[in-house]
Amino acid sequence: MEGCIVVLLGPPGSGKGTQGKLLQDMFDWPQISTGDILRDMSKSDTPLGSHIREVQASGNLVSDQVLAQVVRERTSKSDCKEGFILDGYPRTIKQAQDLEQLAREKSKAVRVVAVDVEEEVLFNRLTGRRSCTSCREIYNVYLKPPIREGYCDKCGSALMQREDDKPEVIKNRLEAYRKNTSPLWDYFGSDIIVVDGQNPPEQVFEDIVKQLEEVVAGDNH
């Protein structure tokens, strides 16, 4: 498929990260997770790192200005030349406008894929999610438990529950998504590719690729 910018849109726990990795493997484009970048930054002993930690612990969103800077810096690297996949960005109308400006500068089309999942399903996915502290493999105590409780099947490292996956924080995260990110569906309108995120991950991936290819084929006619 011709190089472009693929945006994975969806609430926390919708499976955007999983789909981003699959798309990365298929197209050999980098998957850029603003969440992962911000979590790494939050570990730094800097005023910005401290600010990000406080925002994430509350379940609120990092400012548009900070995220625009992070995305612009990351996508300036050589591995993004052909195309890239954005997981977790944009989340607001202002971020979408910043991205469209970036896309124009790079002469690339933006393809938005919305992964749709019911809120009750999301809550169970997120409260049960556990992340490997080393290789970042994702598990779920309800849906995909590790063989040995509390430890990664792949590398044996300890699993952890992220601060932003605790029940009281998840409620804030979903509310922030409804308030800030849901309007993006109206903003992008009929250009959005919608897939059912409650299907098995393999089926979701097939749906995404099929619809992306159909859109690109239509553009070429």
N, C-alpha and C. Protein backbone atom coordinates (compact mmCIF):
# COMPACT_ATOMS: atom_id res chain seq x y z
N MET A 1 0.85 -1.19 0.00
CA MET A 1 0.00 0.00 0.00
C MET A 1 0.89 1.24 0.00
N GLU A 2 0.47 2.24 -0.74
CA GLU A 2 1.22 3.49 -0.83
C GLU A 2 1.36 4.13 0.55
N GLY A 3 2.54 4.71 0.79
CA GLY A 3 2.82 5.30 2.09
C GLY A 3 1.81 6.35 2.51
N CYS A 4 1.40 6.30 3.76
CA CYS A 4 0.46 7.27 4.29
C CYS A 4 0.61 7.31 5.81
N ILE A 5 -0.23 8.09 6.45
CA ILE A 5 -0.27 8.14 7.91
C ILE A 5 -1.56 7.46 8.36
N VAL A 6 -1.43 6.36 9.08
CA VAL A 6 -2.59 5.63 9.57
C VAL A 6 -2.82 6.03 11.03
N VAL A 7 -4.00 6.53 11.32
CA VAL A 7 -4.38 6.92 12.68
C VAL A 7 -5.31 5.85 13.25
N LEU A 8 -4.95 5.30 14.41
CA LEU A 8 -5.80 4.34 15.09
C LEU A 8 -6.56 5.08 16.18
N LEU A 9 -7.86 5.20 15.99
CA LEU A 9 -8.72 5.96 16.89
C LEU A 9 -9.60 5.00 17.68
N GLY A 10 -9.69 5.23 18.98
CA GLY A 10 -10.53 4.36 19.80
C GLY A 10 -10.26 4.61 21.26
N PRO A 11 -11.20 4.24 22.13
CA PRO A 11 -11.04 4.49 23.56
C PRO A 11 -9.95 3.61 24.17
N PRO A 12 -9.51 3.92 25.39
CA PRO A 12 -8.54 3.07 26.08
C PRO A 12 -9.05 1.65 26.17
N GLY A 13 -8.20 0.68 25.84
CA GLY A 13 -8.59 -0.72 25.92
C GLY A 13 -9.24 -1.27 24.68
N SER A 14 -9.33 -0.47 23.61
CA SER A 14 -10.01 -0.93 22.39
C SER A 14 -9.14 -1.86 21.54
N GLY A 15 -7.85 -1.95 21.86
CA GLY A 15 -6.96 -2.83 21.10
C GLY A 15 -6.15 -2.11 20.04
N LYS A 16 -6.07 -0.79 20.15
CA LYS A 16 -5.30 -0.02 19.15
C LYS A 16 -3.84 -0.46 19.10
N GLY A 17 -3.27 -0.72 20.28
CA GLY A 17 -1.86 -1.12 20.33
C GLY A 17 -1.60 -2.42 19.60
N THR A 18 -2.48 -3.39 19.81
CA THR A 18 -2.35 -4.69 19.14
C THR A 18 -2.43 -4.53 17.63
N GLN A 19 -3.41 -3.76 17.17
CA GLN A 19 -3.58 -3.56 15.73
C GLN A 19 -2.41 -2.77 15.14
N GLY A 20 -1.89 -1.83 15.92
CA GLY A 20 -0.74 -1.06 15.45
C GLY A 20 0.48 -1.94 15.20
N LYS A 21 0.70 -2.91 16.10
CA LYS A 21 1.84 -3.82 15.93
C LYS A 21 1.66 -4.69 14.69
N LEU A 22 0.44 -5.16 14.46
CA LEU A 22 0.17 -6.00 13.29
C LEU A 22 0.36 -5.20 12.00
N LEU A 23 -0.10 -3.96 11.98
CA LEU A 23 0.08 -3.11 10.80
C LEU A 23 1.57 -2.79 10.59
N GLN A 24 2.27 -2.58 11.68
CA GLN A 24 3.71 -2.32 11.59
C GLN A 24 4.44 -3.48 10.92
N ASP A 25 4.10 -4.70 11.34
CA ASP A 25 4.74 -5.88 10.76
C ASP A 25 4.39 -6.04 9.29
N MET A 26 3.16 -5.71 8.92
CA MET A 26 2.72 -5.91 7.55
C MET A 26 3.33 -4.89 6.59
N PHE A 27 3.31 -3.61 6.99
CA PHE A 27 3.76 -2.56 6.08
C PHE A 27 5.20 -2.11 6.31
N ASP A 28 5.81 -2.59 7.40
CA ASP A 28 7.16 -2.19 7.76
C ASP A 28 7.25 -0.69 8.00
N TRP A 29 6.20 -0.15 8.62
CA TRP A 29 6.18 1.24 9.06
C TRP A 29 6.23 1.25 10.58
N PRO A 30 6.82 2.25 11.20
CA PRO A 30 6.86 2.27 12.67
C PRO A 30 5.49 2.55 13.28
N GLN A 31 5.19 1.82 14.35
CA GLN A 31 4.01 2.12 15.14
C GLN A 31 4.45 3.11 16.22
N ILE A 32 3.81 4.25 16.25
CA ILE A 32 4.18 5.31 17.19
C ILE A 32 3.07 5.44 18.22
N SER A 33 3.36 4.98 19.42
CA SER A 33 2.40 5.06 20.52
C SER A 33 2.77 6.25 21.39
N THR A 34 1.96 7.29 21.35
CA THR A 34 2.25 8.45 22.19
C THR A 34 2.19 8.07 23.66
N GLY A 35 1.35 7.07 23.99
CA GLY A 35 1.27 6.62 25.38
C GLY A 35 2.59 6.04 25.85
N ASP A 36 3.21 5.18 25.01
CA ASP A 36 4.51 4.59 25.38
C ASP A 36 5.58 5.66 25.51
N ILE A 37 5.58 6.60 24.56
CA ILE A 37 6.58 7.68 24.60
C ILE A 37 6.41 8.50 25.88
N LEU A 38 5.18 8.83 26.21
CA LEU A 38 4.93 9.63 27.41
C LEU A 38 5.27 8.87 28.69
N ARG A 39 5.00 7.55 28.70
CA ARG A 39 5.34 6.77 29.89
C ARG A 39 6.85 6.74 30.09
N ASP A 40 7.60 6.64 28.98
CA ASP A 40 9.06 6.69 29.09
C ASP A 40 9.52 8.05 29.60
N MET A 41 8.90 9.10 29.07
CA MET A 41 9.25 10.46 29.50
C MET A 41 8.91 10.68 30.98
N SER A 42 7.83 10.02 31.43
CA SER A 42 7.39 10.22 32.82
C SER A 42 8.38 9.65 33.82
N LYS A 43 9.26 8.76 33.37
CA LYS A 43 10.27 8.17 34.26
C LYS A 43 11.46 9.09 34.46
N SER A 44 11.55 10.13 33.64
CA SER A 44 12.69 11.03 33.74
C SER A 44 12.54 11.99 34.92
N ASP A 45 13.66 12.33 35.52
CA ASP A 45 13.66 13.22 36.67
C ASP A 45 13.74 14.66 36.20
N THR A 46 12.68 15.10 35.53
CA THR A 46 12.61 16.46 34.99
C THR A 46 11.25 17.05 35.32
N PRO A 47 11.11 18.37 35.24
CA PRO A 47 9.79 18.98 35.48
C PRO A 47 8.71 18.42 34.55
N LEU A 48 9.08 18.19 33.26
CA LEU A 48 8.11 17.64 32.32
C LEU A 48 7.73 16.22 32.70
N GLY A 49 8.74 15.43 33.11
CA GLY A 49 8.46 14.06 33.54
C GLY A 49 7.53 14.02 34.74
N SER A 50 7.76 14.93 35.69
CA SER A 50 6.90 15.01 36.88
C SER A 50 5.49 15.43 36.49
N HIS A 51 5.38 16.38 35.56
CA HIS A 51 4.07 16.85 35.10
C HIS A 51 3.30 15.71 34.44
N ILE A 52 3.97 14.95 33.58
CA ILE A 52 3.31 13.84 32.88
C ILE A 52 2.85 12.79 33.87
N ARG A 53 3.67 12.49 34.89
CA ARG A 53 3.28 11.50 35.91
C ARG A 53 2.00 11.92 36.61
N GLU A 54 1.91 13.18 36.96
CA GLU A 54 0.72 13.67 37.66
C GLU A 54 -0.53 13.58 36.78
N VAL A 55 -0.36 13.95 35.51
CA VAL A 55 -1.50 13.91 34.59
C VAL A 55 -1.98 12.49 34.37
N GLN A 56 -1.03 11.55 34.16
CA GLN A 56 -1.40 10.16 33.91
C GLN A 56 -2.05 9.52 35.13
N ALA A 57 -1.56 9.84 36.32
CA ALA A 57 -2.11 9.26 37.54
C ALA A 57 -3.55 9.70 37.76
N SER A 58 -3.90 10.88 37.25
CA SER A 58 -5.26 11.39 37.41
C SER A 58 -6.21 10.89 36.34
N GLY A 59 -5.64 10.32 35.26
CA GLY A 59 -6.46 9.85 34.16
C GLY A 59 -6.78 10.92 33.14
N ASN A 60 -6.22 12.11 33.30
CA ASN A 60 -6.45 13.20 32.35
C ASN A 60 -5.47 13.11 31.17
N LEU A 61 -5.65 14.01 30.20
CA LEU A 61 -4.83 13.99 28.99
C LEU A 61 -3.72 15.04 29.04
N VAL A 62 -2.56 14.66 28.49
CA VAL A 62 -1.45 15.59 28.36
C VAL A 62 -1.84 16.67 27.35
N SER A 63 -1.30 17.87 27.49
CA SER A 63 -1.70 19.01 26.66
C SER A 63 -1.40 18.78 25.18
N ASP A 64 -2.20 19.45 24.34
CA ASP A 64 -2.01 19.36 22.89
C ASP A 64 -0.61 19.81 22.49
N GLN A 65 -0.13 20.84 23.12
CA GLN A 65 1.18 21.40 22.76
C GLN A 65 2.30 20.39 23.01
N VAL A 66 2.26 19.71 24.15
CA VAL A 66 3.29 18.71 24.47
C VAL A 66 3.24 17.56 23.48
N LEU A 67 2.03 17.07 23.19
CA LEU A 67 1.90 15.94 22.27
C LEU A 67 2.32 16.30 20.85
N ALA A 68 1.98 17.49 20.40
CA ALA A 68 2.38 17.91 19.06
C ALA A 68 3.90 17.92 18.93
N GLN A 69 4.57 18.37 19.97
CA GLN A 69 6.03 18.39 19.98
C GLN A 69 6.59 16.97 19.94
N VAL A 70 6.01 16.08 20.73
CA VAL A 70 6.46 14.69 20.78
C VAL A 70 6.30 14.02 19.41
N VAL A 71 5.12 14.19 18.79
CA VAL A 71 4.83 13.54 17.51
C VAL A 71 5.72 14.10 16.40
N ARG A 72 5.86 15.41 16.37
CA ARG A 72 6.69 16.03 15.31
C ARG A 72 8.14 15.56 15.41
N GLU A 73 8.65 15.47 16.63
CA GLU A 73 10.03 15.03 16.82
C GLU A 73 10.21 13.57 16.39
N ARG A 74 9.25 12.72 16.81
CA ARG A 74 9.38 11.29 16.49
C ARG A 74 9.24 11.03 14.99
N THR A 75 8.31 11.71 14.33
CA THR A 75 8.06 11.43 12.91
C THR A 75 9.08 12.09 11.99
N SER A 76 9.99 12.85 12.56
CA SER A 76 11.06 13.43 11.73
C SER A 76 12.19 12.44 11.48
N LYS A 77 12.14 11.29 12.15
CA LYS A 77 13.19 10.28 12.01
C LYS A 77 13.04 9.53 10.69
N SER A 78 14.14 8.96 10.22
CA SER A 78 14.19 8.36 8.88
C SER A 78 13.24 7.18 8.70
N ASP A 79 12.92 6.45 9.78
CA ASP A 79 12.06 5.27 9.63
C ASP A 79 10.61 5.65 9.33
N CYS A 80 10.29 6.94 9.41
CA CYS A 80 8.92 7.39 9.13
C CYS A 80 8.76 7.92 7.71
N LYS A 81 9.80 7.83 6.91
CA LYS A 81 9.78 8.44 5.59
C LYS A 81 8.68 7.87 4.70
N GLU A 82 8.50 6.55 4.70
CA GLU A 82 7.51 5.91 3.83
C GLU A 82 6.09 6.02 4.38
N GLY A 83 5.98 5.99 5.69
CA GLY A 83 4.67 6.04 6.33
C GLY A 83 4.82 5.66 7.80
N PHE A 84 3.76 5.90 8.57
CA PHE A 84 3.81 5.50 9.98
C PHE A 84 2.40 5.34 10.52
N ILE A 85 2.32 4.70 11.68
CA ILE A 85 1.04 4.38 12.31
C ILE A 85 0.99 5.08 13.65
N LEU A 86 -0.05 5.88 13.88
CA LEU A 86 -0.20 6.61 15.13
C LEU A 86 -1.23 5.93 16.02
N ASP A 87 -0.80 5.57 17.22
CA ASP A 87 -1.65 4.90 18.20
C ASP A 87 -1.82 5.85 19.39
N GLY A 88 -3.02 6.40 19.55
CA GLY A 88 -3.27 7.30 20.66
C GLY A 88 -3.15 8.77 20.32
N TYR A 89 -3.02 9.08 19.04
CA TYR A 89 -2.92 10.47 18.60
C TYR A 89 -3.49 10.57 17.20
N PRO A 90 -4.34 11.56 16.93
CA PRO A 90 -4.79 12.64 17.80
C PRO A 90 -5.92 12.22 18.73
N ARG A 91 -6.11 13.01 19.80
CA ARG A 91 -7.19 12.76 20.75
C ARG A 91 -8.12 13.96 20.89
N THR A 92 -7.77 15.05 20.27
CA THR A 92 -8.62 16.25 20.32
C THR A 92 -8.67 16.87 18.93
N ILE A 93 -9.62 17.78 18.72
CA ILE A 93 -9.73 18.47 17.44
C ILE A 93 -8.44 19.25 17.13
N LYS A 94 -7.90 19.93 18.15
CA LYS A 94 -6.67 20.69 17.94
C LYS A 94 -5.52 19.77 17.50
N GLN A 95 -5.42 18.59 18.12
CA GLN A 95 -4.38 17.64 17.73
C GLN A 95 -4.60 17.14 16.30
N ALA A 96 -5.86 16.94 15.91
CA ALA A 96 -6.16 16.52 14.54
C ALA A 96 -5.72 17.59 13.55
N GLN A 97 -5.95 18.83 13.89
CA GLN A 97 -5.52 19.93 13.02
C GLN A 97 -4.00 20.01 12.93
N ASP A 98 -3.33 19.79 14.06
CA ASP A 98 -1.86 19.77 14.06
C ASP A 98 -1.35 18.64 13.18
N LEU A 99 -2.01 17.48 13.25
CA LEU A 99 -1.60 16.33 12.45
C LEU A 99 -1.81 16.60 10.96
N GLU A 100 -2.93 17.20 10.61
CA GLU A 100 -3.20 17.50 9.20
C GLU A 100 -2.15 18.46 8.64
N GLN A 101 -1.71 19.40 9.46
CA GLN A 101 -0.65 20.30 9.03
C GLN A 101 0.65 19.53 8.81
N LEU A 102 0.96 18.63 9.72
CA LEU A 102 2.15 17.79 9.58
C LEU A 102 2.07 16.94 8.33
N ALA A 103 0.88 16.38 8.06
CA ALA A 103 0.68 15.53 6.88
C ALA A 103 0.90 16.32 5.59
N ARG A 104 0.41 17.56 5.58
CA ARG A 104 0.63 18.40 4.40
C ARG A 104 2.12 18.65 4.17
N GLU A 105 2.84 18.89 5.25
CA GLU A 105 4.28 19.13 5.13
C GLU A 105 5.01 17.89 4.59
N LYS A 106 4.49 16.71 4.94
CA LYS A 106 5.10 15.46 4.50
C LYS A 106 4.49 14.93 3.21
N SER A 107 3.49 15.64 2.67
CA SER A 107 2.78 15.24 1.44
C SER A 107 2.21 13.83 1.56
N LYS A 108 1.56 13.55 2.69
CA LYS A 108 0.97 12.23 2.92
C LYS A 108 -0.51 12.36 3.29
N ALA A 109 -1.27 11.36 2.89
CA ALA A 109 -2.69 11.31 3.24
C ALA A 109 -2.84 10.73 4.64
N VAL A 110 -3.87 11.17 5.36
CA VAL A 110 -4.19 10.63 6.69
C VAL A 110 -5.36 9.66 6.55
N ARG A 111 -5.18 8.44 7.02
CA ARG A 111 -6.23 7.41 7.02
C ARG A 111 -6.61 7.11 8.47
N VAL A 112 -7.86 7.36 8.81
CA VAL A 112 -8.31 7.19 10.20
C VAL A 112 -9.09 5.89 10.35
N VAL A 113 -8.62 5.03 11.26
CA VAL A 113 -9.29 3.76 11.55
C VAL A 113 -9.83 3.83 12.98
N ALA A 114 -11.15 3.73 13.14
CA ALA A 114 -11.79 3.77 14.46
C ALA A 114 -12.12 2.35 14.91
N VAL A 115 -11.59 1.97 16.06
CA VAL A 115 -11.86 0.65 16.64
C VAL A 115 -12.97 0.83 17.68
N ASP A 116 -14.15 0.30 17.38
CA ASP A 116 -15.35 0.54 18.18
C ASP A 116 -15.58 -0.60 19.17
N VAL A 117 -15.67 -0.26 20.47
CA VAL A 117 -15.88 -1.26 21.53
C VAL A 117 -16.82 -0.68 22.58
N GLU A 118 -17.74 -1.51 23.09
CA GLU A 118 -18.67 -1.04 24.12
C GLU A 118 -17.93 -0.74 25.42
N GLU A 119 -18.43 0.23 26.18
CA GLU A 119 -17.72 0.70 27.36
C GLU A 119 -17.59 -0.37 28.45
N GLU A 120 -18.60 -1.21 28.63
CA GLU A 120 -18.52 -2.26 29.65
C GLU A 120 -17.38 -3.24 29.34
N VAL A 121 -17.23 -3.56 28.07
CA VAL A 121 -16.14 -4.45 27.63
C VAL A 121 -14.79 -3.78 27.89
N LEU A 122 -14.71 -2.49 27.61
CA LEU A 122 -13.47 -1.76 27.83
C LEU A 122 -13.06 -1.80 29.30
N PHE A 123 -14.03 -1.61 30.18
CA PHE A 123 -13.72 -1.57 31.62
C PHE A 123 -13.10 -2.88 32.07
N ASN A 124 -13.65 -4.01 31.63
CA ASN A 124 -13.11 -5.31 32.00
C ASN A 124 -11.72 -5.53 31.40
N ARG A 125 -11.55 -5.09 30.17
CA ARG A 125 -10.24 -5.24 29.52
C ARG A 125 -9.17 -4.47 30.29
N LEU A 126 -9.50 -3.25 30.69
CA LEU A 126 -8.50 -2.38 31.31
C LEU A 126 -8.19 -2.77 32.75
N THR A 127 -9.21 -3.10 33.54
CA THR A 127 -8.94 -3.46 34.94
C THR A 127 -8.18 -4.77 35.02
N GLY A 128 -8.33 -5.62 34.00
CA GLY A 128 -7.63 -6.91 34.01
C GLY A 128 -6.27 -6.87 33.34
N ARG A 129 -5.92 -5.73 32.73
CA ARG A 129 -4.68 -5.67 31.95
C ARG A 129 -3.45 -5.65 32.85
N ARG A 130 -2.44 -6.43 32.46
CA ARG A 130 -1.15 -6.44 33.12
C ARG A 130 -0.06 -6.34 32.06
N SER A 131 0.97 -5.56 32.34
CA SER A 131 2.04 -5.33 31.37
C SER A 131 3.35 -5.88 31.92
N CYS A 132 4.15 -6.48 31.02
CA CYS A 132 5.48 -6.96 31.41
C CYS A 132 6.38 -5.76 31.65
N THR A 133 7.11 -5.78 32.75
CA THR A 133 7.99 -4.66 33.09
C THR A 133 9.23 -4.62 32.22
N SER A 134 9.48 -5.71 31.46
CA SER A 134 10.69 -5.76 30.63
C SER A 134 10.37 -5.65 29.14
N CYS A 135 9.64 -6.65 28.58
CA CYS A 135 9.41 -6.68 27.13
C CYS A 135 8.09 -6.02 26.72
N ARG A 136 7.29 -5.59 27.71
CA ARG A 136 6.03 -4.88 27.47
C ARG A 136 4.93 -5.76 26.86
N GLU A 137 5.08 -7.06 26.90
CA GLU A 137 3.99 -7.95 26.48
C GLU A 137 2.77 -7.68 27.36
N ILE A 138 1.58 -7.74 26.72
CA ILE A 138 0.34 -7.41 27.44
C ILE A 138 -0.45 -8.69 27.75
N TYR A 139 -0.95 -8.78 28.98
CA TYR A 139 -1.80 -9.90 29.41
C TYR A 139 -3.10 -9.33 29.98
N ASN A 140 -4.05 -10.22 30.26
CA ASN A 140 -5.28 -9.82 30.92
C ASN A 140 -5.71 -10.95 31.84
N VAL A 141 -5.91 -10.65 33.10
CA VAL A 141 -6.21 -11.69 34.08
C VAL A 141 -7.54 -12.39 33.77
N TYR A 142 -8.41 -11.73 33.01
CA TYR A 142 -9.69 -12.33 32.64
C TYR A 142 -9.65 -12.99 31.27
N LEU A 143 -8.99 -12.35 30.33
CA LEU A 143 -9.06 -12.77 28.93
C LEU A 143 -7.82 -13.48 28.42
N LYS A 144 -6.65 -13.11 28.92
CA LYS A 144 -5.39 -13.70 28.45
C LYS A 144 -4.40 -13.77 29.61
N PRO A 145 -4.68 -14.67 30.58
CA PRO A 145 -3.81 -14.73 31.76
C PRO A 145 -2.47 -15.39 31.42
N PRO A 146 -1.40 -15.00 32.13
CA PRO A 146 -0.11 -15.67 31.93
C PRO A 146 -0.15 -17.08 32.50
N ILE A 147 0.74 -17.94 32.04
CA ILE A 147 0.78 -19.31 32.55
C ILE A 147 1.09 -19.30 34.05
N ARG A 148 2.07 -18.49 34.43
CA ARG A 148 2.43 -18.34 35.84
C ARG A 148 1.95 -16.99 36.31
N GLU A 149 1.05 -16.97 37.27
CA GLU A 149 0.43 -15.72 37.70
C GLU A 149 1.48 -14.68 38.12
N GLY A 150 1.38 -13.51 37.52
CA GLY A 150 2.25 -12.41 37.90
C GLY A 150 3.56 -12.32 37.13
N TYR A 151 3.78 -13.27 36.18
CA TYR A 151 5.05 -13.27 35.46
C TYR A 151 4.83 -13.48 33.96
N CYS A 152 5.70 -12.86 33.17
CA CYS A 152 5.59 -12.89 31.71
C CYS A 152 5.96 -14.26 31.15
N ASP A 153 5.14 -14.77 30.24
CA ASP A 153 5.43 -16.06 29.58
C ASP A 153 6.67 -15.97 28.71
N LYS A 154 6.91 -14.81 28.11
CA LYS A 154 7.99 -14.67 27.14
C LYS A 154 9.37 -14.52 27.77
N CYS A 155 9.46 -13.62 28.77
CA CYS A 155 10.80 -13.34 29.32
C CYS A 155 10.91 -13.59 30.81
N GLY A 156 9.81 -13.94 31.46
CA GLY A 156 9.87 -14.28 32.88
C GLY A 156 9.88 -13.11 33.84
N SER A 157 9.83 -11.89 33.31
CA SER A 157 9.85 -10.71 34.18
C SER A 157 8.49 -10.52 34.87
N ALA A 158 8.50 -9.73 35.92
CA ALA A 158 7.27 -9.48 36.68
C ALA A 158 6.28 -8.66 35.86
N LEU A 159 4.99 -8.94 36.09
CA LEU A 159 3.93 -8.15 35.46
C LEU A 159 3.47 -7.07 36.42
N MET A 160 2.96 -5.98 35.85
CA MET A 160 2.47 -4.88 36.68
C MET A 160 1.15 -4.35 36.13
N GLN A 161 0.36 -3.77 37.02
CA GLN A 161 -0.83 -3.04 36.59
C GLN A 161 -0.48 -1.57 36.55
N ARG A 162 -0.67 -0.96 35.38
CA ARG A 162 -0.35 0.44 35.25
C ARG A 162 -1.25 1.28 36.15
N GLU A 163 -0.72 2.40 36.60
CA GLU A 163 -1.50 3.29 37.45
C GLU A 163 -2.77 3.73 36.74
N ASP A 164 -2.67 3.93 35.41
CA ASP A 164 -3.85 4.41 34.68
C ASP A 164 -4.80 3.29 34.27
N ASP A 165 -4.57 2.06 34.78
CA ASP A 165 -5.50 0.95 34.55
C ASP A 165 -6.28 0.59 35.81
N LYS A 166 -6.11 1.36 36.88
CA LYS A 166 -6.86 1.09 38.10
C LYS A 166 -8.28 1.64 37.96
N PRO A 167 -9.28 0.96 38.57
CA PRO A 167 -10.70 1.29 38.32
C PRO A 167 -11.06 2.76 38.42
N GLU A 168 -10.58 3.44 39.49
CA GLU A 168 -10.97 4.83 39.66
C GLU A 168 -10.38 5.72 38.57
N VAL A 169 -9.19 5.34 38.08
CA VAL A 169 -8.56 6.12 37.01
C VAL A 169 -9.22 5.84 35.68
N ILE A 170 -9.60 4.57 35.45
CA ILE A 170 -10.24 4.19 34.19
C ILE A 170 -11.52 5.00 33.97
N LYS A 171 -12.29 5.18 35.01
CA LYS A 171 -13.51 5.98 34.87
C LYS A 171 -13.19 7.37 34.35
N ASN A 172 -12.11 7.96 34.88
CA ASN A 172 -11.71 9.29 34.42
C ASN A 172 -11.20 9.25 32.98
N ARG A 173 -10.47 8.18 32.64
CA ARG A 173 -9.93 8.06 31.28
C ARG A 173 -11.05 7.94 30.25
N LEU A 174 -12.06 7.13 30.56
CA LEU A 174 -13.16 6.97 29.62
C LEU A 174 -13.99 8.24 29.50
N GLU A 175 -14.14 8.96 30.62
CA GLU A 175 -14.86 10.22 30.58
C GLU A 175 -14.08 11.25 29.76
N ALA A 176 -12.75 11.27 29.93
CA ALA A 176 -11.91 12.18 29.15
C ALA A 176 -12.00 11.84 27.67
N TYR A 177 -12.07 10.55 27.36
CA TYR A 177 -12.19 10.14 25.95
C TYR A 177 -13.51 10.63 25.37
N ARG A 178 -14.59 10.41 26.11
CA ARG A 178 -15.91 10.84 25.61
C ARG A 178 -15.93 12.35 25.36
N LYS A 179 -15.35 13.09 26.28
CA LYS A 179 -15.38 14.55 26.19
C LYS A 179 -14.48 15.08 25.08
N ASN A 180 -13.25 14.56 24.99
CA ASN A 180 -12.24 15.16 24.11
C ASN A 180 -12.09 14.47 22.77
N THR A 181 -12.23 13.15 22.75
CA THR A 181 -11.87 12.40 21.55
C THR A 181 -13.07 12.01 20.70
N SER A 182 -14.20 11.73 21.31
CA SER A 182 -15.38 11.35 20.53
C SER A 182 -15.73 12.36 19.44
N PRO A 183 -15.55 13.68 19.66
CA PRO A 183 -15.85 14.64 18.59
C PRO A 183 -15.02 14.43 17.32
N LEU A 184 -13.93 13.68 17.42
CA LEU A 184 -13.13 13.41 16.22
C LEU A 184 -13.91 12.59 15.20
N TRP A 185 -14.88 11.80 15.68
CA TRP A 185 -15.70 11.03 14.74
C TRP A 185 -16.45 11.98 13.81
N ASP A 186 -16.98 13.06 14.37
CA ASP A 186 -17.67 14.06 13.55
C ASP A 186 -16.67 14.84 12.70
N TYR A 187 -15.51 15.12 13.27
CA TYR A 187 -14.50 15.93 12.58
C TYR A 187 -14.03 15.23 11.30
N PHE A 188 -13.70 13.95 11.40
CA PHE A 188 -13.23 13.20 10.23
C PHE A 188 -14.37 12.69 9.36
N GLY A 189 -15.57 12.59 9.96
CA GLY A 189 -16.77 12.27 9.20
C GLY A 189 -16.72 10.96 8.44
N SER A 190 -17.18 11.00 7.19
CA SER A 190 -17.32 9.78 6.39
C SER A 190 -15.98 9.19 5.98
N ASP A 191 -14.88 9.90 6.24
CA ASP A 191 -13.56 9.38 5.88
C ASP A 191 -13.07 8.32 6.87
N ILE A 192 -13.75 8.18 8.01
CA ILE A 192 -13.32 7.22 9.02
C ILE A 192 -13.64 5.79 8.58
N ILE A 193 -12.68 4.91 8.76
CA ILE A 193 -12.88 3.47 8.59
C ILE A 193 -13.24 2.89 9.96
N VAL A 194 -14.43 2.32 10.10
CA VAL A 194 -14.88 1.79 11.39
C VAL A 194 -14.84 0.26 11.38
N VAL A 195 -14.22 -0.30 12.44
CA VAL A 195 -14.18 -1.75 12.60
C VAL A 195 -14.70 -2.11 13.98
N ASP A 196 -15.22 -3.33 14.10
CA ASP A 196 -15.77 -3.82 15.37
C ASP A 196 -14.63 -4.39 16.21
N GLY A 197 -14.23 -3.64 17.24
CA GLY A 197 -13.11 -4.06 18.08
C GLY A 197 -13.43 -5.17 19.05
N GLN A 198 -14.69 -5.64 19.08
CA GLN A 198 -15.04 -6.75 19.96
C GLN A 198 -14.85 -8.09 19.27
N ASN A 199 -14.53 -8.07 17.98
CA ASN A 199 -14.17 -9.30 17.28
C ASN A 199 -12.77 -9.74 17.71
N PRO A 200 -12.38 -11.00 17.42
CA PRO A 200 -11.02 -11.45 17.71
C PRO A 200 -10.01 -10.54 17.01
N PRO A 201 -8.84 -10.31 17.61
CA PRO A 201 -7.84 -9.40 17.03
C PRO A 201 -7.50 -9.69 15.58
N GLU A 202 -7.44 -10.99 15.21
CA GLU A 202 -7.10 -11.35 13.84
C GLU A 202 -8.17 -10.87 12.86
N GLN A 203 -9.44 -10.98 13.29
CA GLN A 203 -10.54 -10.53 12.44
C GLN A 203 -10.55 -9.01 12.32
N VAL A 204 -10.27 -8.33 13.42
CA VAL A 204 -10.20 -6.87 13.39
C VAL A 204 -9.12 -6.43 12.41
N PHE A 205 -7.97 -7.10 12.46
CA PHE A 205 -6.86 -6.76 11.58
C PHE A 205 -7.23 -6.96 10.11
N GLU A 206 -7.87 -8.07 9.80
CA GLU A 206 -8.31 -8.34 8.43
C GLU A 206 -9.27 -7.25 7.94
N ASP A 207 -10.18 -6.83 8.82
CA ASP A 207 -11.14 -5.79 8.45
C ASP A 207 -10.43 -4.47 8.17
N ILE A 208 -9.45 -4.14 8.99
CA ILE A 208 -8.71 -2.89 8.81
C ILE A 208 -7.97 -2.89 7.48
N VAL A 209 -7.23 -3.96 7.21
CA VAL A 209 -6.43 -4.03 5.99
C VAL A 209 -7.33 -3.98 4.76
N LYS A 210 -8.43 -4.72 4.78
CA LYS A 210 -9.34 -4.76 3.64
C LYS A 210 -9.89 -3.37 3.34
N GLN A 211 -10.33 -2.67 4.39
CA GLN A 211 -10.92 -1.34 4.17
C GLN A 211 -9.87 -0.31 3.78
N LEU A 212 -8.67 -0.41 4.35
CA LEU A 212 -7.59 0.50 3.95
C LEU A 212 -7.27 0.33 2.47
N GLU A 213 -7.16 -0.90 2.04
CA GLU A 213 -6.83 -1.17 0.63
C GLU A 213 -7.93 -0.68 -0.29
N GLU A 214 -9.20 -0.82 0.13
CA GLU A 214 -10.32 -0.33 -0.67
C GLU A 214 -10.28 1.20 -0.81
N VAL A 215 -9.94 1.88 0.29
CA VAL A 215 -9.87 3.34 0.24
C VAL A 215 -8.75 3.80 -0.69
N VAL A 216 -7.59 3.17 -0.56
CA VAL A 216 -6.44 3.54 -1.41
C VAL A 216 -6.75 3.26 -2.89
N ALA A 217 -7.39 2.10 -3.14
CA ALA A 217 -7.75 1.77 -4.52
C ALA A 217 -8.71 2.79 -5.10
N GLY A 218 -9.65 3.24 -4.26
CA GLY A 218 -10.61 4.25 -4.72
C GLY A 218 -9.94 5.58 -5.02
N ASP A 219 -8.93 5.92 -4.24
CA ASP A 219 -8.21 7.17 -4.48
C ASP A 219 -7.44 7.15 -5.79
N ASN A 220 -7.03 5.96 -6.21
CA ASN A 220 -6.20 5.83 -7.40
C ASN A 220 -7.02 5.80 -8.70
N HIS A 221 -8.36 5.81 -8.56
CA HIS A 221 -9.22 5.79 -9.76
C HIS A 221 -9.61 7.20 -10.16
